[in-house]
Amino acid sequence: MKTKQEQKNEVDTNKISDGYHTFGELYEHRIALFIALCKAYTHSPRIVWRSKLHSDGTSWEGWFILGINVGKGSQITYHLPINNWKNTSFARTYDEAPEFDGHTPEDVIERLLKLK
């Protein structure tokens, strides 16, 4: 349990703005854009999938994983808030996510830019 002082010192980063958009707005844009990208790839040879559990059976409460591709060196994944689950019914649903290939945020950017 947090003290009142700790609660008072917390900053709601969703409300921080660059003068045009808040972090919260930008995060919602990223979620919508990734869902749209995944939906566009459902008819390609790429595998679009979702899971509420990581490959080891653990999870983040209130989140699920949406991904493109399952193999090492090609995964693009994001954790999304569970309220977006219904918006991703086009994806293959796995009991557990494919094994994480260790990709970093930089790897994801590179892989996104290489998608065809």
N, C-alpha and C. Protein backbone atom coordinates (compact mmCIF):
# COMPACT_ATOMS: atom_id res chain seq x y z
N MET A 1 0.83 -1.18 0.00
CA MET A 1 0.00 0.00 0.00
C MET A 1 0.88 1.25 0.00
N LYS A 2 0.55 2.19 -0.84
CA LYS A 2 1.34 3.41 -0.95
C LYS A 2 0.87 4.44 0.08
N THR A 3 1.82 5.21 0.57
CA THR A 3 1.48 6.28 1.49
C THR A 3 0.85 7.43 0.70
N LYS A 4 0.19 8.34 1.42
CA LYS A 4 -0.41 9.50 0.75
C LYS A 4 0.65 10.34 0.06
N GLN A 5 1.84 10.43 0.65
CA GLN A 5 2.92 11.21 0.04
C GLN A 5 3.37 10.56 -1.27
N GLU A 6 3.49 9.22 -1.27
CA GLU A 6 3.88 8.51 -2.51
C GLU A 6 2.82 8.72 -3.59
N GLN A 7 1.55 8.66 -3.21
CA GLN A 7 0.48 8.87 -4.18
C GLN A 7 0.50 10.30 -4.71
N LYS A 8 0.79 11.27 -3.83
CA LYS A 8 0.83 12.68 -4.22
C LYS A 8 1.95 12.95 -5.21
N ASN A 9 3.08 12.23 -5.08
CA ASN A 9 4.25 12.45 -5.93
C ASN A 9 4.15 11.76 -7.28
N GLU A 10 3.17 10.89 -7.46
CA GLU A 10 3.04 10.18 -8.72
C GLU A 10 2.56 11.14 -9.82
N VAL A 11 3.08 10.93 -11.00
CA VAL A 11 2.70 11.73 -12.15
C VAL A 11 1.94 10.83 -13.11
N ASP A 12 0.82 11.29 -13.60
CA ASP A 12 0.06 10.54 -14.59
C ASP A 12 0.69 10.81 -15.96
N THR A 13 1.55 9.90 -16.40
CA THR A 13 2.28 10.11 -17.66
C THR A 13 1.34 10.15 -18.86
N ASN A 14 0.15 9.57 -18.73
CA ASN A 14 -0.81 9.63 -19.84
C ASN A 14 -1.22 11.06 -20.16
N LYS A 15 -1.07 11.98 -19.21
CA LYS A 15 -1.49 13.36 -19.42
C LYS A 15 -0.35 14.28 -19.84
N ILE A 16 0.88 13.76 -19.87
CA ILE A 16 2.01 14.58 -20.32
C ILE A 16 1.87 14.80 -21.82
N SER A 17 2.09 16.03 -22.26
CA SER A 17 1.87 16.38 -23.66
C SER A 17 3.10 17.01 -24.27
N ASP A 18 3.23 16.82 -25.58
CA ASP A 18 4.28 17.50 -26.34
C ASP A 18 3.74 18.80 -26.93
N GLY A 19 2.54 19.18 -26.53
CA GLY A 19 1.89 20.37 -27.06
C GLY A 19 0.86 20.04 -28.13
N TYR A 20 0.90 18.82 -28.63
CA TYR A 20 -0.05 18.38 -29.65
C TYR A 20 -0.84 17.17 -29.18
N HIS A 21 -0.14 16.19 -28.60
CA HIS A 21 -0.77 14.95 -28.15
C HIS A 21 -0.25 14.61 -26.77
N THR A 22 -1.09 13.91 -26.00
CA THR A 22 -0.63 13.38 -24.73
C THR A 22 -0.02 12.00 -24.97
N PHE A 23 0.77 11.54 -23.99
CA PHE A 23 1.30 10.18 -24.09
C PHE A 23 0.15 9.18 -24.20
N GLY A 24 -0.92 9.43 -23.46
CA GLY A 24 -2.08 8.54 -23.52
C GLY A 24 -2.66 8.45 -24.92
N GLU A 25 -2.78 9.61 -25.59
CA GLU A 25 -3.29 9.61 -26.96
C GLU A 25 -2.35 8.87 -27.90
N LEU A 26 -1.06 9.12 -27.76
CA LEU A 26 -0.09 8.45 -28.63
C LEU A 26 -0.09 6.94 -28.41
N TYR A 27 -0.25 6.52 -27.17
CA TYR A 27 -0.30 5.09 -26.87
C TYR A 27 -1.54 4.47 -27.52
N GLU A 28 -2.68 5.16 -27.44
CA GLU A 28 -3.90 4.65 -28.09
C GLU A 28 -3.71 4.57 -29.60
N HIS A 29 -3.01 5.53 -30.18
CA HIS A 29 -2.71 5.48 -31.62
C HIS A 29 -1.86 4.26 -31.94
N ARG A 30 -0.82 4.00 -31.14
CA ARG A 30 0.05 2.84 -31.38
C ARG A 30 -0.75 1.56 -31.32
N ILE A 31 -1.62 1.44 -30.35
CA ILE A 31 -2.45 0.24 -30.23
C ILE A 31 -3.31 0.07 -31.47
N ALA A 32 -4.01 1.13 -31.87
CA ALA A 32 -4.89 1.04 -33.05
C ALA A 32 -4.11 0.74 -34.32
N LEU A 33 -2.95 1.37 -34.48
CA LEU A 33 -2.14 1.13 -35.66
C LEU A 33 -1.61 -0.31 -35.71
N PHE A 34 -1.19 -0.85 -34.56
CA PHE A 34 -0.68 -2.22 -34.55
C PHE A 34 -1.81 -3.21 -34.82
N ILE A 35 -2.98 -2.98 -34.25
CA ILE A 35 -4.12 -3.86 -34.54
C ILE A 35 -4.45 -3.81 -36.04
N ALA A 36 -4.48 -2.62 -36.63
CA ALA A 36 -4.77 -2.50 -38.07
C ALA A 36 -3.71 -3.20 -38.91
N LEU A 37 -2.43 -3.05 -38.54
CA LEU A 37 -1.36 -3.72 -39.27
C LEU A 37 -1.53 -5.24 -39.19
N CYS A 38 -1.78 -5.74 -37.99
CA CYS A 38 -1.96 -7.18 -37.83
C CYS A 38 -3.15 -7.69 -38.64
N LYS A 39 -4.24 -6.94 -38.62
CA LYS A 39 -5.43 -7.33 -39.38
C LYS A 39 -5.11 -7.39 -40.88
N ALA A 40 -4.31 -6.45 -41.36
CA ALA A 40 -3.93 -6.43 -42.78
C ALA A 40 -3.07 -7.64 -43.15
N TYR A 41 -2.35 -8.21 -42.19
CA TYR A 41 -1.47 -9.34 -42.47
C TYR A 41 -2.14 -10.69 -42.26
N THR A 42 -3.41 -10.73 -41.92
CA THR A 42 -4.05 -12.03 -41.66
C THR A 42 -4.18 -12.88 -42.92
N HIS A 43 -4.10 -12.28 -44.09
CA HIS A 43 -4.22 -13.06 -45.34
C HIS A 43 -2.88 -13.21 -46.05
N SER A 44 -1.82 -13.04 -45.31
CA SER A 44 -0.47 -13.21 -45.87
C SER A 44 0.13 -14.49 -45.29
N PRO A 45 1.31 -14.87 -45.74
CA PRO A 45 1.96 -16.05 -45.16
C PRO A 45 2.39 -15.83 -43.71
N ARG A 46 2.38 -14.60 -43.26
CA ARG A 46 2.77 -14.32 -41.88
C ARG A 46 1.69 -14.81 -40.92
N ILE A 47 2.09 -15.18 -39.73
CA ILE A 47 1.15 -15.65 -38.73
C ILE A 47 0.88 -14.51 -37.76
N VAL A 48 -0.38 -14.14 -37.65
CA VAL A 48 -0.81 -13.14 -36.67
C VAL A 48 -1.49 -13.89 -35.54
N TRP A 49 -1.05 -13.64 -34.32
CA TRP A 49 -1.53 -14.42 -33.19
C TRP A 49 -1.76 -13.54 -31.96
N ARG A 50 -2.45 -14.12 -30.99
CA ARG A 50 -2.66 -13.46 -29.71
C ARG A 50 -2.70 -14.51 -28.62
N SER A 51 -2.37 -14.09 -27.42
CA SER A 51 -2.40 -14.99 -26.27
C SER A 51 -2.49 -14.17 -25.00
N LYS A 52 -3.19 -14.73 -24.02
CA LYS A 52 -3.26 -14.09 -22.71
C LYS A 52 -2.11 -14.53 -21.81
N LEU A 53 -1.38 -15.55 -22.25
CA LEU A 53 -0.28 -16.08 -21.45
C LEU A 53 1.03 -16.03 -22.22
N HIS A 54 2.12 -15.79 -21.51
CA HIS A 54 3.47 -15.91 -22.09
C HIS A 54 3.77 -17.39 -22.30
N SER A 55 4.84 -17.71 -22.98
CA SER A 55 5.19 -19.11 -23.27
C SER A 55 5.43 -19.92 -22.02
N ASP A 56 5.79 -19.28 -20.91
CA ASP A 56 6.03 -20.01 -19.66
C ASP A 56 4.78 -20.09 -18.78
N GLY A 57 3.65 -19.64 -19.32
CA GLY A 57 2.39 -19.71 -18.58
C GLY A 57 2.10 -18.52 -17.69
N THR A 58 3.02 -17.57 -17.61
CA THR A 58 2.78 -16.37 -16.81
C THR A 58 2.00 -15.35 -17.62
N SER A 59 1.52 -14.33 -16.94
CA SER A 59 0.79 -13.27 -17.63
C SER A 59 0.94 -11.97 -16.86
N TRP A 60 0.55 -10.90 -17.53
CA TRP A 60 0.45 -9.58 -16.89
C TRP A 60 -1.03 -9.31 -16.73
N GLU A 61 -1.47 -9.15 -15.52
CA GLU A 61 -2.89 -8.94 -15.27
C GLU A 61 -3.40 -7.73 -16.06
N GLY A 62 -4.48 -7.95 -16.80
CA GLY A 62 -5.09 -6.88 -17.57
C GLY A 62 -4.48 -6.67 -18.95
N TRP A 63 -3.58 -7.57 -19.38
CA TRP A 63 -2.89 -7.41 -20.66
C TRP A 63 -2.89 -8.73 -21.43
N PHE A 64 -2.73 -8.64 -22.74
CA PHE A 64 -2.49 -9.82 -23.58
C PHE A 64 -1.42 -9.45 -24.60
N ILE A 65 -0.94 -10.46 -25.32
CA ILE A 65 0.12 -10.25 -26.30
C ILE A 65 -0.48 -10.43 -27.70
N LEU A 66 -0.19 -9.49 -28.58
CA LEU A 66 -0.55 -9.59 -30.00
C LEU A 66 0.74 -9.61 -30.76
N GLY A 67 0.87 -10.56 -31.69
CA GLY A 67 2.13 -10.68 -32.40
C GLY A 67 1.99 -11.05 -33.86
N ILE A 68 3.05 -10.77 -34.58
CA ILE A 68 3.20 -11.19 -35.97
C ILE A 68 4.40 -12.12 -36.01
N ASN A 69 4.23 -13.27 -36.59
CA ASN A 69 5.27 -14.29 -36.74
C ASN A 69 5.56 -14.99 -35.41
N VAL A 70 6.02 -16.22 -35.53
CA VAL A 70 6.30 -17.02 -34.34
C VAL A 70 7.77 -17.40 -34.21
N GLY A 71 8.52 -17.35 -35.30
CA GLY A 71 9.90 -17.82 -35.29
C GLY A 71 10.88 -16.83 -34.71
N LYS A 72 12.03 -17.36 -34.31
CA LYS A 72 13.10 -16.51 -33.79
C LYS A 72 13.61 -15.59 -34.90
N GLY A 73 13.84 -14.36 -34.50
CA GLY A 73 14.38 -13.39 -35.45
C GLY A 73 13.35 -12.70 -36.31
N SER A 74 12.06 -13.00 -36.12
CA SER A 74 11.05 -12.35 -36.95
C SER A 74 9.85 -11.86 -36.15
N GLN A 75 9.82 -12.09 -34.85
CA GLN A 75 8.66 -11.70 -34.05
C GLN A 75 8.54 -10.18 -33.91
N ILE A 76 7.31 -9.73 -33.97
CA ILE A 76 6.95 -8.35 -33.66
C ILE A 76 5.79 -8.47 -32.68
N THR A 77 5.97 -8.04 -31.46
CA THR A 77 4.94 -8.22 -30.45
C THR A 77 4.77 -6.97 -29.59
N TYR A 78 3.56 -6.83 -29.10
CA TYR A 78 3.25 -5.79 -28.11
C TYR A 78 2.28 -6.38 -27.09
N HIS A 79 2.41 -5.96 -25.85
CA HIS A 79 1.38 -6.22 -24.86
C HIS A 79 0.32 -5.14 -25.07
N LEU A 80 -0.94 -5.57 -25.10
CA LEU A 80 -2.05 -4.64 -25.27
C LEU A 80 -3.01 -4.79 -24.09
N PRO A 81 -3.70 -3.72 -23.73
CA PRO A 81 -4.70 -3.82 -22.66
C PRO A 81 -5.79 -4.82 -23.05
N ILE A 82 -6.24 -5.60 -22.09
CA ILE A 82 -7.20 -6.67 -22.35
C ILE A 82 -8.50 -6.15 -22.97
N ASN A 83 -8.83 -4.88 -22.76
CA ASN A 83 -10.07 -4.37 -23.37
C ASN A 83 -9.99 -4.32 -24.89
N ASN A 84 -8.81 -4.57 -25.47
CA ASN A 84 -8.66 -4.65 -26.93
C ASN A 84 -8.77 -6.08 -27.46
N TRP A 85 -8.94 -7.07 -26.59
CA TRP A 85 -9.03 -8.47 -26.99
C TRP A 85 -10.10 -8.65 -28.06
N LYS A 86 -11.27 -8.06 -27.85
CA LYS A 86 -12.39 -8.23 -28.80
C LYS A 86 -12.06 -7.65 -30.18
N ASN A 87 -11.16 -6.69 -30.23
CA ASN A 87 -10.77 -6.07 -31.50
C ASN A 87 -9.75 -6.89 -32.28
N THR A 88 -9.31 -8.00 -31.70
CA THR A 88 -8.28 -8.82 -32.35
C THR A 88 -8.76 -10.25 -32.61
N SER A 89 -10.06 -10.43 -32.77
CA SER A 89 -10.61 -11.77 -32.99
C SER A 89 -10.15 -12.39 -34.31
N PHE A 90 -9.59 -11.60 -35.20
CA PHE A 90 -9.06 -12.08 -36.48
C PHE A 90 -7.77 -12.89 -36.30
N ALA A 91 -7.09 -12.71 -35.18
CA ALA A 91 -5.79 -13.36 -34.94
C ALA A 91 -5.99 -14.80 -34.44
N ARG A 92 -5.01 -15.65 -34.73
CA ARG A 92 -5.01 -16.99 -34.16
C ARG A 92 -4.84 -16.85 -32.65
N THR A 93 -5.62 -17.59 -31.91
CA THR A 93 -5.53 -17.54 -30.45
C THR A 93 -4.76 -18.76 -29.97
N TYR A 94 -3.69 -18.51 -29.25
CA TYR A 94 -2.87 -19.58 -28.67
C TYR A 94 -3.08 -19.61 -27.16
N ASP A 95 -3.06 -20.82 -26.60
CA ASP A 95 -3.14 -20.94 -25.14
C ASP A 95 -1.97 -20.23 -24.49
N GLU A 96 -0.79 -20.40 -25.08
CA GLU A 96 0.42 -19.71 -24.63
C GLU A 96 1.13 -19.11 -25.83
N ALA A 97 1.72 -17.96 -25.64
CA ALA A 97 2.44 -17.29 -26.73
C ALA A 97 3.62 -18.13 -27.20
N PRO A 98 4.04 -17.96 -28.45
CA PRO A 98 5.28 -18.59 -28.90
C PRO A 98 6.43 -18.11 -28.01
N GLU A 99 7.48 -18.89 -27.93
CA GLU A 99 8.63 -18.51 -27.10
C GLU A 99 9.20 -17.18 -27.58
N PHE A 100 9.38 -16.28 -26.65
CA PHE A 100 9.92 -14.94 -26.93
C PHE A 100 11.33 -15.07 -27.49
N ASP A 101 11.60 -14.37 -28.59
CA ASP A 101 12.92 -14.48 -29.23
C ASP A 101 13.93 -13.44 -28.71
N GLY A 102 13.55 -12.68 -27.68
CA GLY A 102 14.48 -11.73 -27.09
C GLY A 102 14.53 -10.38 -27.78
N HIS A 103 13.59 -10.12 -28.67
CA HIS A 103 13.65 -8.86 -29.42
C HIS A 103 13.51 -7.65 -28.50
N THR A 104 14.21 -6.61 -28.90
CA THR A 104 14.23 -5.34 -28.18
C THR A 104 13.30 -4.35 -28.90
N PRO A 105 13.00 -3.22 -28.29
CA PRO A 105 12.22 -2.20 -29.01
C PRO A 105 12.88 -1.79 -30.33
N GLU A 106 14.20 -1.72 -30.34
CA GLU A 106 14.91 -1.38 -31.58
C GLU A 106 14.72 -2.46 -32.63
N ASP A 107 14.76 -3.74 -32.21
CA ASP A 107 14.52 -4.85 -33.14
C ASP A 107 13.13 -4.74 -33.76
N VAL A 108 12.14 -4.40 -32.93
CA VAL A 108 10.77 -4.29 -33.43
C VAL A 108 10.68 -3.20 -34.49
N ILE A 109 11.28 -2.07 -34.25
CA ILE A 109 11.27 -0.99 -35.25
C ILE A 109 11.91 -1.47 -36.55
N GLU A 110 13.05 -2.12 -36.44
CA GLU A 110 13.73 -2.63 -37.63
C GLU A 110 12.87 -3.65 -38.37
N ARG A 111 12.23 -4.55 -37.65
CA ARG A 111 11.40 -5.57 -38.27
C ARG A 111 10.14 -4.96 -38.90
N LEU A 112 9.57 -3.96 -38.24
CA LEU A 112 8.41 -3.28 -38.81
C LEU A 112 8.76 -2.64 -40.14
N LEU A 113 9.91 -1.98 -40.19
CA LEU A 113 10.31 -1.29 -41.41
C LEU A 113 10.67 -2.24 -42.55
N LYS A 114 10.95 -3.51 -42.23
CA LYS A 114 11.27 -4.50 -43.25
C LYS A 114 10.06 -5.28 -43.74
N LEU A 115 8.91 -5.10 -43.10
CA LEU A 115 7.71 -5.84 -43.52
C LEU A 115 7.35 -5.51 -44.96
N LYS A 116 6.91 -6.51 -45.68
CA LYS A 116 6.48 -6.33 -47.07
C LYS A 116 5.07 -6.85 -47.22
